[in-house]
N, C-alpha and C. Protein backbone atom coordinates (compact mmCIF):
# COMPACT_ATOMS: atom_id res chain seq x y z
N MET A 1 0.84 -1.18 0.00
CA MET A 1 0.00 0.00 0.00
C MET A 1 0.89 1.24 0.00
N ASP A 2 0.55 2.19 -0.85
CA ASP A 2 1.27 3.46 -0.99
C ASP A 2 2.73 3.32 -1.42
N GLN A 3 3.08 2.18 -2.03
CA GLN A 3 4.42 2.00 -2.60
C GLN A 3 4.47 2.69 -3.96
N LYS A 4 5.62 3.30 -4.26
CA LYS A 4 5.79 3.91 -5.58
C LYS A 4 6.03 2.81 -6.60
N VAL A 5 5.37 2.92 -7.76
CA VAL A 5 5.55 1.95 -8.83
C VAL A 5 5.72 2.67 -10.16
N LEU A 6 6.41 2.02 -11.08
CA LEU A 6 6.59 2.51 -12.44
C LEU A 6 6.35 1.33 -13.36
N PHE A 7 5.51 1.50 -14.36
CA PHE A 7 5.28 0.43 -15.31
C PHE A 7 4.84 1.00 -16.64
N SER A 8 4.88 0.15 -17.65
CA SER A 8 4.40 0.51 -18.98
C SER A 8 3.36 -0.52 -19.39
N GLY A 9 2.45 -0.11 -20.29
CA GLY A 9 1.45 -1.04 -20.75
C GLY A 9 0.54 -0.42 -21.79
N GLU A 10 -0.51 -1.18 -22.14
CA GLU A 10 -1.47 -0.77 -23.15
C GLU A 10 -2.81 -0.45 -22.50
N VAL A 11 -3.36 0.71 -22.80
CA VAL A 11 -4.66 1.12 -22.28
C VAL A 11 -5.74 0.29 -22.96
N VAL A 12 -6.58 -0.37 -22.14
CA VAL A 12 -7.65 -1.19 -22.71
C VAL A 12 -9.04 -0.57 -22.47
N GLN A 13 -9.12 0.38 -21.53
CA GLN A 13 -10.40 1.06 -21.30
C GLN A 13 -10.13 2.42 -20.67
N VAL A 14 -10.90 3.42 -21.10
CA VAL A 14 -10.83 4.78 -20.55
C VAL A 14 -12.20 5.13 -20.02
N ILE A 15 -12.27 5.58 -18.76
CA ILE A 15 -13.53 6.01 -18.15
C ILE A 15 -13.32 7.44 -17.67
N GLU A 16 -13.85 8.40 -18.43
CA GLU A 16 -13.68 9.80 -18.08
C GLU A 16 -14.86 10.29 -17.26
N SER A 17 -14.58 11.12 -16.28
CA SER A 17 -15.60 11.71 -15.44
C SER A 17 -16.37 12.76 -16.23
N SER A 18 -17.68 12.81 -16.02
CA SER A 18 -18.47 13.85 -16.69
C SER A 18 -18.27 15.19 -16.00
N LYS A 19 -17.73 15.15 -14.79
CA LYS A 19 -17.44 16.37 -14.03
C LYS A 19 -15.96 16.36 -13.67
N GLY A 20 -15.29 17.47 -13.83
CA GLY A 20 -13.90 17.55 -13.43
C GLY A 20 -12.95 16.88 -14.40
N LYS A 21 -11.74 16.59 -13.91
CA LYS A 21 -10.66 16.08 -14.75
C LYS A 21 -10.29 14.65 -14.41
N GLY A 22 -11.06 14.00 -13.56
CA GLY A 22 -10.75 12.64 -13.13
C GLY A 22 -10.95 11.63 -14.25
N VAL A 23 -9.98 10.71 -14.36
CA VAL A 23 -10.04 9.66 -15.37
C VAL A 23 -9.62 8.34 -14.72
N GLN A 24 -10.25 7.26 -15.16
CA GLN A 24 -9.81 5.92 -14.76
C GLN A 24 -9.40 5.19 -16.02
N TYR A 25 -8.30 4.47 -15.90
CA TYR A 25 -7.81 3.67 -17.01
C TYR A 25 -7.66 2.23 -16.55
N ARG A 26 -8.08 1.29 -17.38
CA ARG A 26 -7.69 -0.10 -17.21
C ARG A 26 -6.54 -0.31 -18.16
N ILE A 27 -5.39 -0.74 -17.61
CA ILE A 27 -4.17 -0.87 -18.39
C ILE A 27 -3.62 -2.28 -18.22
N ASN A 28 -3.32 -2.92 -19.34
CA ASN A 28 -2.66 -4.23 -19.30
C ASN A 28 -1.15 -3.99 -19.27
N VAL A 29 -0.45 -4.63 -18.31
CA VAL A 29 0.93 -4.26 -18.04
C VAL A 29 1.97 -5.33 -18.35
N THR A 30 1.55 -6.53 -18.74
CA THR A 30 2.51 -7.59 -19.05
C THR A 30 2.43 -7.89 -20.54
N LYS A 31 3.56 -7.70 -21.23
CA LYS A 31 3.57 -7.96 -22.67
C LYS A 31 3.78 -9.46 -22.89
N GLY A 32 2.81 -10.06 -23.55
CA GLY A 32 2.87 -11.48 -23.86
C GLY A 32 3.09 -11.70 -25.34
N GLU A 33 3.01 -12.95 -25.75
CA GLU A 33 3.24 -13.32 -27.14
C GLU A 33 2.18 -12.72 -28.07
N TYR A 34 0.95 -12.55 -27.55
CA TYR A 34 -0.15 -12.06 -28.38
C TYR A 34 -0.68 -10.70 -27.93
N GLY A 35 0.13 -9.90 -27.27
CA GLY A 35 -0.30 -8.60 -26.79
C GLY A 35 -0.11 -8.49 -25.29
N TYR A 36 -0.73 -7.49 -24.71
CA TYR A 36 -0.58 -7.23 -23.28
C TYR A 36 -1.67 -7.93 -22.48
N GLU A 37 -1.36 -8.25 -21.20
CA GLU A 37 -2.33 -8.85 -20.28
C GLU A 37 -2.01 -8.38 -18.87
N ASP A 38 -2.67 -8.91 -17.87
CA ASP A 38 -2.51 -8.53 -16.45
C ASP A 38 -2.95 -7.08 -16.24
N THR A 39 -4.22 -6.90 -15.98
CA THR A 39 -4.84 -5.58 -15.92
C THR A 39 -4.71 -4.94 -14.55
N VAL A 40 -4.47 -3.62 -14.54
CA VAL A 40 -4.53 -2.80 -13.33
C VAL A 40 -5.49 -1.64 -13.59
N LEU A 41 -6.07 -1.11 -12.51
CA LEU A 41 -6.92 0.07 -12.61
C LEU A 41 -6.11 1.27 -12.14
N VAL A 42 -6.05 2.30 -12.97
CA VAL A 42 -5.27 3.50 -12.65
C VAL A 42 -6.22 4.69 -12.60
N THR A 43 -6.18 5.43 -11.48
CA THR A 43 -6.93 6.68 -11.39
C THR A 43 -5.95 7.83 -11.62
N TYR A 44 -6.45 8.91 -12.22
CA TYR A 44 -5.57 10.03 -12.57
C TYR A 44 -6.38 11.30 -12.68
N GLU A 45 -5.80 12.40 -12.25
CA GLU A 45 -6.39 13.74 -12.41
C GLU A 45 -5.62 14.44 -13.51
N ARG A 46 -6.25 14.60 -14.68
CA ARG A 46 -5.59 15.22 -15.82
C ARG A 46 -5.37 16.71 -15.57
N ASN A 47 -4.23 17.23 -16.00
CA ASN A 47 -3.91 18.64 -15.87
C ASN A 47 -4.52 19.44 -17.02
N ASP A 48 -4.71 20.74 -16.83
CA ASP A 48 -5.23 21.61 -17.88
C ASP A 48 -4.36 21.50 -19.12
N GLY A 49 -4.96 21.33 -20.28
CA GLY A 49 -4.23 21.29 -21.53
C GLY A 49 -3.54 19.97 -21.82
N GLU A 50 -3.62 19.02 -20.91
CA GLU A 50 -2.95 17.73 -21.11
C GLU A 50 -3.71 16.90 -22.15
N SER A 51 -2.97 16.23 -23.01
CA SER A 51 -3.58 15.41 -24.05
C SER A 51 -4.35 14.24 -23.45
N ARG A 52 -5.42 13.87 -24.12
CA ARG A 52 -6.20 12.70 -23.70
C ARG A 52 -5.44 11.43 -24.05
N ILE A 53 -5.60 10.44 -23.23
CA ILE A 53 -5.06 9.11 -23.48
C ILE A 53 -6.23 8.25 -23.89
N LEU A 54 -6.03 7.46 -24.95
CA LEU A 54 -7.12 6.69 -25.54
C LEU A 54 -6.84 5.20 -25.47
N GLU A 55 -7.88 4.40 -25.70
CA GLU A 55 -7.71 2.95 -25.77
C GLU A 55 -6.69 2.61 -26.84
N GLU A 56 -5.89 1.60 -26.55
CA GLU A 56 -4.82 1.09 -27.39
C GLU A 56 -3.55 1.93 -27.34
N ASP A 57 -3.54 3.07 -26.63
CA ASP A 57 -2.31 3.83 -26.45
C ASP A 57 -1.36 3.03 -25.56
N LEU A 58 -0.06 3.15 -25.83
CA LEU A 58 0.97 2.59 -24.96
C LEU A 58 1.45 3.72 -24.06
N VAL A 59 1.53 3.45 -22.75
CA VAL A 59 1.85 4.49 -21.78
C VAL A 59 2.86 4.00 -20.75
N SER A 60 3.58 4.95 -20.16
CA SER A 60 4.37 4.73 -18.96
C SER A 60 3.65 5.44 -17.82
N VAL A 61 3.59 4.79 -16.65
CA VAL A 61 2.84 5.34 -15.52
C VAL A 61 3.71 5.32 -14.27
N TRP A 62 3.77 6.47 -13.59
CA TRP A 62 4.38 6.58 -12.27
C TRP A 62 3.22 6.74 -11.30
N ALA A 63 3.13 5.85 -10.31
CA ALA A 63 1.93 5.83 -9.47
C ALA A 63 2.24 5.31 -8.07
N TYR A 64 1.22 5.38 -7.20
CA TYR A 64 1.26 4.80 -5.86
C TYR A 64 0.25 3.66 -5.82
N SER A 65 0.67 2.54 -5.25
CA SER A 65 -0.25 1.41 -5.11
C SER A 65 -1.30 1.74 -4.06
N LYS A 66 -2.53 1.32 -4.32
CA LYS A 66 -3.65 1.59 -3.41
C LYS A 66 -4.43 0.32 -3.07
N GLY A 67 -3.75 -0.81 -3.11
CA GLY A 67 -4.39 -2.07 -2.74
C GLY A 67 -5.14 -2.68 -3.92
N LEU A 68 -6.21 -3.39 -3.59
CA LEU A 68 -7.01 -4.07 -4.61
C LEU A 68 -8.40 -3.44 -4.69
N ILE A 69 -9.02 -3.56 -5.85
CA ILE A 69 -10.38 -3.11 -6.04
C ILE A 69 -11.16 -4.25 -6.69
N THR A 70 -12.39 -4.45 -6.24
CA THR A 70 -13.27 -5.47 -6.80
C THR A 70 -14.47 -4.79 -7.44
N TYR A 71 -14.78 -5.20 -8.66
CA TYR A 71 -15.94 -4.64 -9.35
C TYR A 71 -16.66 -5.76 -10.09
N GLU A 72 -17.88 -5.47 -10.51
CA GLU A 72 -18.68 -6.47 -11.21
C GLU A 72 -18.48 -6.35 -12.71
N SER A 73 -18.19 -7.45 -13.36
CA SER A 73 -17.99 -7.46 -14.81
C SER A 73 -19.34 -7.31 -15.51
N THR A 74 -19.29 -7.09 -16.81
CA THR A 74 -20.53 -6.93 -17.58
C THR A 74 -21.35 -8.21 -17.63
N ILE A 75 -20.73 -9.35 -17.36
CA ILE A 75 -21.48 -10.62 -17.36
C ILE A 75 -21.84 -11.06 -15.95
N GLY A 76 -21.61 -10.18 -14.95
CA GLY A 76 -22.10 -10.43 -13.60
C GLY A 76 -21.12 -11.02 -12.62
N GLY A 77 -19.92 -11.38 -13.04
CA GLY A 77 -18.93 -11.93 -12.12
C GLY A 77 -18.11 -10.83 -11.46
N ASN A 78 -17.48 -11.14 -10.34
CA ASN A 78 -16.62 -10.18 -9.67
C ASN A 78 -15.19 -10.30 -10.19
N ILE A 79 -14.54 -9.16 -10.37
CA ILE A 79 -13.16 -9.09 -10.82
C ILE A 79 -12.39 -8.28 -9.78
N THR A 80 -11.23 -8.79 -9.34
CA THR A 80 -10.37 -8.08 -8.39
C THR A 80 -9.03 -7.83 -9.06
N ILE A 81 -8.63 -6.54 -9.10
CA ILE A 81 -7.36 -6.16 -9.73
C ILE A 81 -6.67 -5.10 -8.86
N PRO A 82 -5.35 -4.90 -9.05
CA PRO A 82 -4.65 -3.84 -8.32
C PRO A 82 -5.17 -2.46 -8.72
N LYS A 83 -5.20 -1.56 -7.74
CA LYS A 83 -5.59 -0.17 -7.98
C LYS A 83 -4.37 0.71 -7.75
N LEU A 84 -4.15 1.64 -8.67
CA LEU A 84 -3.02 2.56 -8.60
C LEU A 84 -3.51 4.00 -8.75
N GLU A 85 -2.84 4.91 -8.07
CA GLU A 85 -3.14 6.34 -8.19
C GLU A 85 -1.96 6.99 -8.90
N ALA A 86 -2.17 7.39 -10.16
CA ALA A 86 -1.07 7.90 -10.99
C ALA A 86 -0.70 9.33 -10.63
N VAL A 87 0.59 9.61 -10.71
CA VAL A 87 1.12 10.95 -10.56
C VAL A 87 1.45 11.51 -11.94
N VAL A 88 2.02 10.64 -12.81
CA VAL A 88 2.38 11.03 -14.17
C VAL A 88 2.03 9.89 -15.10
N ILE A 89 1.44 10.22 -16.26
CA ILE A 89 1.20 9.26 -17.32
C ILE A 89 1.73 9.88 -18.61
N GLU A 90 2.59 9.13 -19.31
CA GLU A 90 3.17 9.62 -20.56
C GLU A 90 2.92 8.62 -21.67
N LEU A 91 2.61 9.13 -22.86
CA LEU A 91 2.49 8.28 -24.03
C LEU A 91 3.87 7.78 -24.44
N ILE A 92 3.93 6.52 -24.87
CA ILE A 92 5.16 5.96 -25.41
C ILE A 92 5.07 6.10 -26.92
N PRO A 93 6.03 6.80 -27.53
CA PRO A 93 5.97 7.01 -28.99
C PRO A 93 6.12 5.71 -29.76
């Protein structure tokens, strides 16, 4: 909990707040033979003028670990993944 982490991965889902600058990203962080896997949930407060990050973007993330989060999938099952609070997110060219 609250450990600093740095990782890179592929954005698989973007959930933008309708109010404010808060964004949640589901990011796959392990590169496998057929793409990325091992999903984490990243929360982030975007700065004024900062570019949007979109699905399929490759990013580097500097964040603090915030434990695990459990949510219900679209088919009704529970999913538990690591939750991270990002300080910086950069696109990988």
